[in-house]
Amino acid sequence: MAGTAGTPGTPRVLRAMNDRAALDLLLEHGPLSRTRIGRLTGLSKPTASQLLARLEAAGLVLATGTTEGRPGPGARLYAINPAAAYAAGLDVTPQRILAAVADVTGRTVGTYELPTPGRGPGRPVVGQVTDSLDGAVKAAGLSRADVHRLVIGTPGAFDPRTGRLRYASHLPGWHSPALLEELAAALPMPVGYENDVNLVALAEQRLGAARGHRDFVLLWNQEGLGAALVLGGRLHRGWTGGAGEVGFLPVPGAPLVRRVTRANSGGYQELAGCRALPELARQLGVEDVPTGPHAEAAAALLARAADHATGPHHELLRAYATRLATGLASLVSVLDPELVVLGGAALTSGGEVLRALVQAELAELAASRPRLVVGEVRERPVLRGALESALATTRDEVFDTARRPP
């Protein structure tokens, strides 16, 4: 019926559209005056004033002070109310769970780390998740009920048809067919699940090297070798959620791995994963090859090689660039992306030196020529991506003033 609240084109919907535009501007720019909001949105001063009064009454914005440094009285400044909503994210690995809570502006207000070592019997996964979330919530001075949405990032992916975790046999306790139902029963907020590398791509798209790009590939090398595919601005997850599991990719230069899911590895992982770097370095005569956890050792080795970039160190970078480009060539030949982002400690530690070598090798091996860049989101990128994912949905729901009672 014409004139019904919520019908496109009605005053209520138009007001909601203006409200969201103003809220997005405040997120992007920080505190703004009524005049500045009017200019940026194209609204008149009276309409901008009504908009801000409406958002202030709804608890979505706050008056934060006045402009200074100009003749006459300062104009009142408005900002997003950080306490309008909170969202949480979890980054899950076999060794630990990182948890964080952010306010609606994106500022992290509480973090917590729960060690989960070993493959033997331990606290059930539901308990690990709730303990991790509660730790971050407590650090933020909040309660579970304050969290609007939670996103959990894991290796592998939950099959949308069966609800079971796939491609992550190394993550103990997470493969029960009833796990998602048990988590839903234990948590009072909606929960989303996403592959960890996909979340890194989301973080790079929102905050890092892929800002403004709608078609890109993120190649990730840390605990494992994987990729995220963003096509037309959206993550491509595949039929079972396994798009981007390139560690299983058969490649020249590595033995053909069969029963890859049992081995939790494949040719590309064996050729260019973290575990391959120390042995490659020894073969090329690099001295004092670092030991320890694979990702840390690989990062230290590449950082040192990039600093020296001569003799055996240079040969190591060249040989590793060839290995990386071998798998990337298959990806870019099929997808033809605009951009490739190199992420994870075993890639970013090589810096511009490694990036340039991979770019040159890829130009020889693939017909398409995407631009390669080094990832910019370095601090807890999986967790940052989980928060960004949870915040995006939270903002869509909380900032939709058309849903609120008149």
Protein backbone atom coordinates (compact mmCIF):
# COMPACT_ATOMS: atom_id res chain seq x y z
CA MET A 1 0.00 0.00 0.00
CA ALA A 2 1.33 3.45 -0.92
CA GLY A 3 2.49 5.42 2.06
CA THR A 4 3.15 2.37 4.25
CA ALA A 5 6.23 2.84 6.48
CA GLY A 6 9.16 1.01 4.92
CA THR A 7 7.93 1.36 1.31
CA PRO A 8 10.73 2.63 -0.98
CA GLY A 9 10.35 6.35 -1.63
CA THR A 10 8.33 7.12 1.50
CA PRO A 11 9.58 9.87 3.81
CA ARG A 12 10.54 7.35 6.50
CA VAL A 13 12.75 5.37 4.11
CA LEU A 14 14.32 8.53 2.72
CA ARG A 15 15.08 9.71 6.25
CA ALA A 16 16.67 6.33 7.00
CA MET A 17 18.84 6.62 3.89
CA ASN A 18 20.00 10.09 4.96
CA ASP A 19 20.62 8.82 8.50
CA ARG A 20 22.83 6.00 7.22
CA ALA A 21 24.75 8.35 4.93
CA ALA A 22 25.47 10.65 7.87
CA LEU A 23 26.50 7.77 10.12
CA ASP A 24 28.88 6.43 7.47
CA LEU A 25 30.42 9.90 7.13
CA LEU A 26 30.95 10.09 10.88
CA LEU A 27 32.61 6.66 10.81
CA GLU A 28 34.91 7.77 8.01
CA HIS A 29 35.78 11.30 9.13
CA GLY A 30 35.26 11.33 12.90
CA PRO A 31 33.47 14.23 14.64
CA LEU A 32 31.70 16.61 12.25
CA SER A 33 29.60 19.74 12.66
CA ARG A 34 26.02 20.07 11.47
CA THR A 35 27.19 22.38 8.68
CA ARG A 36 29.87 19.93 7.52
CA ILE A 37 27.42 17.02 7.52
CA GLY A 38 24.98 19.13 5.50
CA ARG A 39 27.63 19.91 2.92
CA LEU A 40 28.80 16.32 2.60
CA THR A 41 25.28 14.92 2.30
CA GLY A 42 23.73 17.78 0.33
CA LEU A 43 21.09 18.33 3.01
CA SER A 44 19.86 21.73 4.10
CA LYS A 45 20.79 23.04 7.55
CA PRO A 46 17.29 22.48 8.99
CA THR A 47 17.20 18.92 7.60
CA ALA A 48 20.70 18.20 8.92
CA SER A 49 19.66 19.53 12.33
CA GLN A 50 16.59 17.29 12.37
CA LEU A 51 18.72 14.31 11.31
CA LEU A 52 21.25 14.84 14.10
CA ALA A 53 18.51 15.34 16.69
CA ARG A 54 16.92 12.09 15.53
CA LEU A 55 20.20 10.16 15.71
CA GLU A 56 21.05 11.64 19.09
CA ALA A 57 17.65 10.64 20.48
CA ALA A 58 18.19 7.12 19.13
CA GLY A 59 21.51 6.88 20.97
CA LEU A 60 23.54 6.57 17.76
CA VAL A 61 25.44 9.87 17.94
CA LEU A 62 26.79 12.09 20.71
CA ALA A 63 27.64 15.76 20.92
CA THR A 64 31.39 15.68 21.62
CA GLY A 65 32.43 19.33 21.85
CA THR A 66 32.77 22.35 19.62
CA THR A 67 35.06 23.54 16.85
CA GLU A 68 37.91 25.76 17.98
CA GLY A 69 40.25 28.29 16.46
CA ARG A 70 37.61 30.34 14.64
CA PRO A 71 36.09 33.73 15.50
CA GLY A 72 32.79 33.57 17.30
CA PRO A 73 31.16 30.67 19.12
CA GLY A 74 32.29 27.20 18.03
CA ALA A 75 29.99 24.88 16.16
CA ARG A 76 28.85 21.77 18.01
CA LEU A 77 30.55 18.57 16.87
CA TYR A 78 28.85 15.19 16.62
CA ALA A 79 30.37 11.70 16.62
CA ILE A 80 29.20 8.08 16.56
CA ASN A 81 28.25 6.85 20.01
CA PRO A 82 30.80 4.06 20.59
CA ALA A 83 28.47 2.29 23.02
CA ALA A 84 25.65 2.02 20.47
CA ALA A 85 26.69 -1.59 19.82
CA TYR A 86 29.56 -4.03 20.30
CA ALA A 87 30.80 -6.91 18.14
CA ALA A 88 33.30 -9.69 18.78
CA GLY A 89 35.72 -11.84 16.81
CA LEU A 90 37.69 -15.03 17.43
CA ASP A 91 40.83 -16.26 15.66
CA VAL A 92 41.18 -20.01 16.19
CA THR A 93 44.36 -22.07 15.66
CA PRO A 94 45.39 -25.45 17.10
CA GLN A 95 47.60 -23.64 19.64
CA ARG A 96 45.32 -20.87 20.91
CA ILE A 97 42.17 -18.80 20.51
CA LEU A 98 42.46 -15.03 20.27
CA ALA A 99 39.32 -13.08 21.13
CA ALA A 100 38.50 -9.39 20.87
CA VAL A 101 35.55 -7.06 21.34
CA ALA A 102 35.17 -3.80 19.40
CA ASP A 103 32.72 -0.94 19.78
CA VAL A 104 30.65 0.12 16.80
CA THR A 105 33.32 2.59 15.64
CA GLY A 106 35.77 -0.30 15.22
CA ARG A 107 37.94 0.47 18.24
CA THR A 108 39.07 -2.67 20.05
CA VAL A 109 38.02 -2.39 23.71
CA GLY A 110 38.96 -5.82 25.06
CA THR A 111 41.17 -8.78 24.10
CA TYR A 112 41.94 -12.20 25.52
CA GLU A 113 44.12 -15.18 24.55
CA LEU A 114 43.29 -18.75 25.55
CA PRO A 115 46.06 -21.33 25.00
CA THR A 116 44.75 -24.63 23.54
CA PRO A 117 47.87 -26.79 23.20
CA GLY A 118 47.98 -30.50 22.42
CA ARG A 119 45.70 -32.95 20.64
CA GLY A 120 44.67 -34.98 23.68
CA PRO A 121 41.44 -34.66 25.69
CA GLY A 122 40.87 -31.16 26.95
CA ARG A 123 38.12 -28.64 27.51
CA PRO A 124 35.39 -29.11 24.85
CA VAL A 125 35.35 -26.61 22.00
CA VAL A 126 32.15 -24.94 23.21
CA GLY A 127 33.83 -24.25 26.53
CA GLN A 128 36.95 -22.93 24.80
CA VAL A 129 34.85 -20.54 22.71
CA THR A 130 32.79 -19.25 25.64
CA ASP A 131 35.87 -18.89 27.86
CA SER A 132 37.66 -16.91 25.15
CA LEU A 133 34.70 -14.65 24.49
CA ASP A 134 34.09 -14.11 28.21
CA GLY A 135 37.74 -13.16 28.69
CA ALA A 136 37.55 -10.46 26.04
CA VAL A 137 34.15 -9.25 27.25
CA LYS A 138 35.45 -8.98 30.82
CA ALA A 139 38.53 -7.08 29.63
CA ALA A 140 36.17 -4.62 27.92
CA GLY A 141 34.08 -4.16 31.08
CA LEU A 142 31.01 -5.63 29.36
CA SER A 143 28.82 -8.73 29.53
CA ARG A 144 27.96 -11.33 26.89
CA ALA A 145 24.56 -9.69 26.46
CA ASP A 146 26.27 -6.49 25.23
CA VAL A 147 27.77 -8.26 22.19
CA HIS A 148 25.58 -7.84 19.12
CA ARG A 149 27.34 -10.40 16.92
CA LEU A 150 30.31 -12.80 16.99
CA VAL A 151 32.38 -14.00 14.01
CA ILE A 152 34.70 -16.99 14.42
CA GLY A 153 37.63 -17.47 12.07
CA THR A 154 39.11 -20.97 11.67
CA PRO A 155 41.36 -22.81 9.25
CA GLY A 156 39.34 -24.68 6.64
CA ALA A 157 35.65 -23.96 6.24
CA PHE A 158 32.29 -25.16 7.53
CA ASP A 159 30.48 -26.93 4.71
CA PRO A 160 27.21 -25.00 4.20
CA ARG A 161 25.39 -28.24 3.34
CA THR A 162 26.46 -30.34 6.32
CA GLY A 163 27.68 -27.82 8.89
CA ARG A 164 30.89 -29.80 9.40
CA LEU A 165 34.39 -28.31 9.31
CA ARG A 166 36.39 -29.35 6.27
CA TYR A 167 40.01 -28.85 5.11
CA ALA A 168 41.31 -28.52 8.69
CA SER A 169 42.09 -31.96 10.08
CA HIS A 170 44.80 -30.35 12.25
CA LEU A 171 42.22 -28.48 14.36
CA PRO A 172 41.24 -30.97 17.10
CA GLY A 173 37.72 -31.02 18.50
CA TRP A 174 36.11 -28.88 15.81
CA HIS A 175 34.72 -31.63 13.57
CA SER A 176 31.60 -32.72 15.44
CA PRO A 177 28.46 -32.54 13.23
CA ALA A 178 26.61 -31.04 16.22
CA LEU A 179 29.18 -28.32 16.98
CA LEU A 180 27.37 -25.39 15.34
CA GLU A 181 24.12 -26.27 17.10
CA GLU A 182 25.94 -26.54 20.43
CA LEU A 183 27.60 -23.16 19.95
CA ALA A 184 24.29 -21.56 18.96
CA ALA A 185 22.72 -22.91 22.16
CA ALA A 186 25.59 -21.67 24.34
CA LEU A 187 25.87 -18.14 22.95
CA PRO A 188 23.22 -15.41 23.22
CA MET A 189 24.17 -13.58 20.03
CA PRO A 190 24.17 -14.52 16.30
CA VAL A 191 27.41 -16.28 15.32
CA GLY A 192 29.10 -16.25 11.93
CA TYR A 193 31.87 -18.58 10.77
CA GLU A 194 34.51 -17.78 8.19
CA ASN A 195 37.77 -19.18 6.87
CA ASP A 196 40.76 -17.45 8.45
CA VAL A 197 42.40 -16.44 5.15
CA ASN A 198 39.09 -15.03 3.90
CA LEU A 199 39.02 -12.83 6.99
CA VAL A 200 42.53 -11.55 6.24
CA ALA A 201 41.33 -10.63 2.75
CA LEU A 202 38.37 -8.78 4.28
CA ALA A 203 40.72 -6.86 6.56
CA GLU A 204 42.94 -5.92 3.61
CA GLN A 205 39.88 -4.87 1.59
CA ARG A 206 38.52 -2.66 4.38
CA LEU A 207 41.72 -1.34 5.92
CA GLY A 208 44.78 -2.34 3.92
CA ALA A 209 46.39 -2.94 0.55
CA ALA A 210 43.18 -3.96 -1.27
CA ARG A 211 41.10 -0.87 -0.45
CA GLY A 212 39.15 0.18 -3.52
CA HIS A 213 39.68 -3.14 -5.33
CA ARG A 214 36.81 -5.45 -6.27
CA ASP A 215 38.82 -8.28 -7.86
CA PHE A 216 41.87 -9.56 -6.03
CA VAL A 217 43.57 -12.65 -4.68
CA LEU A 218 45.20 -12.81 -1.27
CA LEU A 219 48.00 -15.37 -1.04
CA TRP A 220 48.62 -16.25 2.61
CA ASN A 221 51.60 -18.14 3.99
CA GLN A 222 51.95 -18.56 7.72
CA GLU A 223 50.98 -21.77 9.51
CA GLY A 224 49.71 -23.00 6.16
CA LEU A 225 49.57 -21.87 2.54
CA GLY A 226 46.18 -20.66 1.35
CA ALA A 227 44.38 -18.05 -0.69
CA ALA A 228 41.26 -15.92 -0.57
CA LEU A 229 39.39 -14.96 -3.73
CA VAL A 230 37.43 -11.71 -3.96
CA LEU A 231 35.42 -11.42 -7.19
CA GLY A 232 33.17 -8.48 -7.94
CA GLY A 233 33.76 -7.17 -4.42
CA ARG A 234 32.55 -10.37 -2.73
CA LEU A 235 34.34 -13.35 -1.24
CA HIS A 236 34.10 -16.45 -3.40
CA ARG A 237 33.79 -19.41 -1.03
CA GLY A 238 32.98 -22.26 -3.41
CA TRP A 239 30.41 -25.05 -3.22
CA THR A 240 31.77 -26.60 0.00
CA GLY A 241 33.52 -23.50 1.35
CA GLY A 242 36.88 -24.73 0.06
CA ALA A 243 37.67 -22.11 -2.58
CA GLY A 244 41.22 -20.90 -2.01
CA GLU A 245 42.59 -24.07 -0.39
CA VAL A 246 45.57 -23.82 -2.73
CA GLY A 247 47.93 -25.67 -0.40
CA PHE A 248 46.41 -28.84 -1.91
CA LEU A 249 47.18 -27.67 -5.48
CA PRO A 250 49.35 -30.06 -7.53
CA VAL A 251 52.28 -28.07 -8.95
CA PRO A 252 55.45 -28.76 -10.96
CA GLY A 253 58.53 -29.21 -8.83
CA ALA A 254 56.80 -31.08 -5.99
CA PRO A 255 55.83 -34.76 -5.68
CA LEU A 256 52.20 -35.55 -6.41
CA VAL A 257 50.42 -35.84 -3.05
CA ARG A 258 47.52 -38.27 -2.89
CA ARG A 259 44.81 -38.40 -0.20
CA VAL A 260 45.55 -34.75 0.45
CA THR A 261 42.90 -34.34 3.14
CA ARG A 262 44.50 -37.07 5.23
CA ALA A 263 47.95 -35.59 4.70
CA ASN A 264 46.55 -32.08 5.26
CA SER A 265 48.96 -31.00 2.56
CA GLY A 266 49.46 -30.93 -1.18
CA GLY A 267 52.05 -30.07 -3.79
CA TYR A 268 51.99 -26.29 -3.42
CA GLN A 269 52.21 -26.56 0.37
CA GLU A 270 55.21 -28.87 0.06
CA LEU A 271 56.85 -26.62 -2.53
CA ALA A 272 56.35 -23.15 -1.02
CA GLY A 273 54.98 -23.53 2.52
CA CYS A 274 56.93 -22.46 5.59
CA ARG A 275 58.31 -25.95 6.20
CA ALA A 276 60.06 -25.92 2.82
CA LEU A 277 62.11 -22.78 3.42
CA PRO A 278 64.78 -23.98 5.90
CA GLU A 279 65.71 -26.97 3.75
CA LEU A 280 65.83 -24.79 0.63
CA ALA A 281 68.11 -22.37 2.47
CA ARG A 282 70.48 -25.16 3.50
CA GLN A 283 70.63 -26.47 -0.07
CA LEU A 284 71.70 -23.00 -1.24
CA GLY A 285 74.42 -22.62 1.37
CA VAL A 286 72.71 -20.18 3.74
CA GLU A 287 74.39 -20.35 7.15
CA ASP A 288 72.75 -20.25 10.58
CA VAL A 289 69.29 -21.23 9.34
CA PRO A 290 66.76 -20.32 12.09
CA THR A 291 64.97 -23.10 13.94
CA GLY A 292 61.76 -23.15 15.95
CA PRO A 293 58.10 -22.90 14.91
CA HIS A 294 57.84 -23.07 11.13
CA ALA A 295 56.20 -19.68 10.54
CA GLU A 296 58.55 -17.83 12.87
CA ALA A 297 61.64 -19.52 11.41
CA ALA A 298 60.50 -18.77 7.85
CA ALA A 299 59.78 -15.13 8.69
CA ALA A 300 63.18 -14.66 10.33
CA LEU A 301 64.93 -16.34 7.40
CA LEU A 302 63.20 -14.19 4.79
CA ALA A 303 63.69 -10.96 6.73
CA ARG A 304 67.41 -11.64 6.99
CA ALA A 305 67.63 -12.59 3.31
CA ALA A 306 65.82 -9.40 2.26
CA ASP A 307 68.21 -7.32 4.38
CA HIS A 308 71.30 -8.89 2.78
CA ALA A 309 69.96 -9.82 -0.70
CA THR A 310 73.40 -10.96 -1.85
CA GLY A 311 75.09 -14.33 -2.34
CA PRO A 312 73.15 -17.31 -0.94
CA HIS A 313 70.52 -15.02 0.54
CA HIS A 314 69.73 -13.57 -2.88
CA GLU A 315 69.61 -17.04 -4.40
CA LEU A 316 67.21 -18.11 -1.67
CA LEU A 317 64.86 -15.23 -2.45
CA ARG A 318 65.00 -15.96 -6.18
CA ALA A 319 64.37 -19.68 -5.71
CA TYR A 320 61.52 -19.05 -3.28
CA ALA A 321 59.98 -16.45 -5.61
CA THR A 322 59.95 -19.05 -8.38
CA ARG A 323 58.19 -21.54 -6.12
CA LEU A 324 55.57 -18.98 -5.10
CA ALA A 325 55.00 -17.85 -8.69
CA THR A 326 54.55 -21.48 -9.82
CA GLY A 327 51.34 -21.83 -7.82
CA LEU A 328 50.22 -18.26 -8.37
CA ALA A 329 50.42 -18.75 -12.13
CA SER A 330 47.58 -21.29 -11.97
CA LEU A 331 45.45 -18.97 -9.87
CA VAL A 332 45.86 -15.86 -12.02
CA SER A 333 45.45 -17.82 -15.25
CA VAL A 334 41.99 -18.95 -14.14
CA LEU A 335 40.84 -15.84 -12.26
CA ASP A 336 42.64 -12.95 -14.01
CA PRO A 337 42.54 -10.75 -10.88
CA GLU A 338 43.39 -7.06 -10.84
CA LEU A 339 45.59 -7.43 -7.76
CA VAL A 340 47.45 -10.06 -5.74
CA VAL A 341 48.11 -9.30 -2.06
CA LEU A 342 50.95 -11.20 -0.38
CA GLY A 343 50.07 -11.82 3.28
CA GLY A 344 51.31 -13.82 6.25
CA ALA A 345 54.65 -13.60 8.00
CA ALA A 346 56.36 -15.94 5.51
CA LEU A 347 55.59 -13.49 2.69
CA THR A 348 55.51 -10.04 4.25
CA SER A 349 58.90 -10.58 5.91
CA GLY A 350 60.48 -10.69 2.46
CA GLY A 351 59.17 -7.17 1.85
CA GLU A 352 59.59 -5.34 -1.43
CA VAL A 353 62.59 -7.46 -2.45
CA LEU A 354 60.60 -10.71 -2.46
CA ARG A 355 57.52 -9.03 -3.94
CA ALA A 356 59.48 -7.71 -6.94
CA LEU A 357 61.04 -11.12 -7.58
CA VAL A 358 57.65 -12.88 -7.47
CA GLN A 359 56.19 -10.22 -9.78
CA ALA A 360 58.99 -10.77 -12.31
CA GLU A 361 58.64 -14.57 -12.16
CA LEU A 362 54.85 -14.41 -12.50
CA ALA A 363 55.22 -12.25 -15.61
CA GLU A 364 57.18 -15.14 -17.16
CA LEU A 365 54.75 -17.87 -16.14
CA ALA A 366 51.26 -16.36 -16.63
CA ALA A 367 49.64 -14.47 -19.49
CA SER A 368 47.65 -12.14 -17.21
CA ARG A 369 49.66 -9.51 -15.33
CA PRO A 370 48.08 -8.62 -11.98
CA ARG A 371 49.88 -6.14 -9.76
CA LEU A 372 51.45 -7.67 -6.64
CA VAL A 373 51.50 -5.78 -3.35
CA VAL A 374 52.56 -6.66 0.18
CA GLY A 375 49.76 -6.85 2.74
CA GLU A 376 49.40 -3.92 5.11
CA VAL A 377 47.32 -5.40 7.95
CA ARG A 378 50.11 -7.00 10.00
CA GLU A 379 48.79 -7.01 13.58
CA ARG A 380 46.46 -9.97 14.20
CA PRO A 381 44.96 -9.81 10.69
CA VAL A 382 42.59 -12.79 11.11
CA LEU A 383 41.17 -11.30 14.29
CA ARG A 384 40.90 -7.87 12.66
CA GLY A 385 39.01 -9.41 9.75
CA ALA A 386 36.64 -11.23 12.13
CA LEU A 387 35.87 -7.94 13.87
CA GLU A 388 35.34 -6.14 10.56
CA SER A 389 32.95 -8.88 9.41
CA ALA A 390 30.98 -8.77 12.66
CA LEU A 391 30.91 -4.97 12.64
CA ALA A 392 29.63 -4.75 9.06
CA THR A 393 26.52 -6.76 9.89
CA THR A 394 26.11 -5.05 13.25
CA ARG A 395 26.19 -1.60 11.69
CA ASP A 396 23.69 -2.58 9.00
CA GLU A 397 21.27 -3.66 11.72
CA VAL A 398 21.89 -0.99 14.35
CA PHE A 399 22.14 1.94 11.91
CA ASP A 400 18.91 1.04 10.10
CA THR A 401 16.65 3.70 11.59
CA ALA A 402 13.77 2.63 9.36
CA ARG A 403 13.45 -0.47 11.58
CA ARG A 404 13.07 1.58 14.74
CA PRO A 405 9.63 2.46 16.09
CA PRO A 406 8.49 5.92 14.91
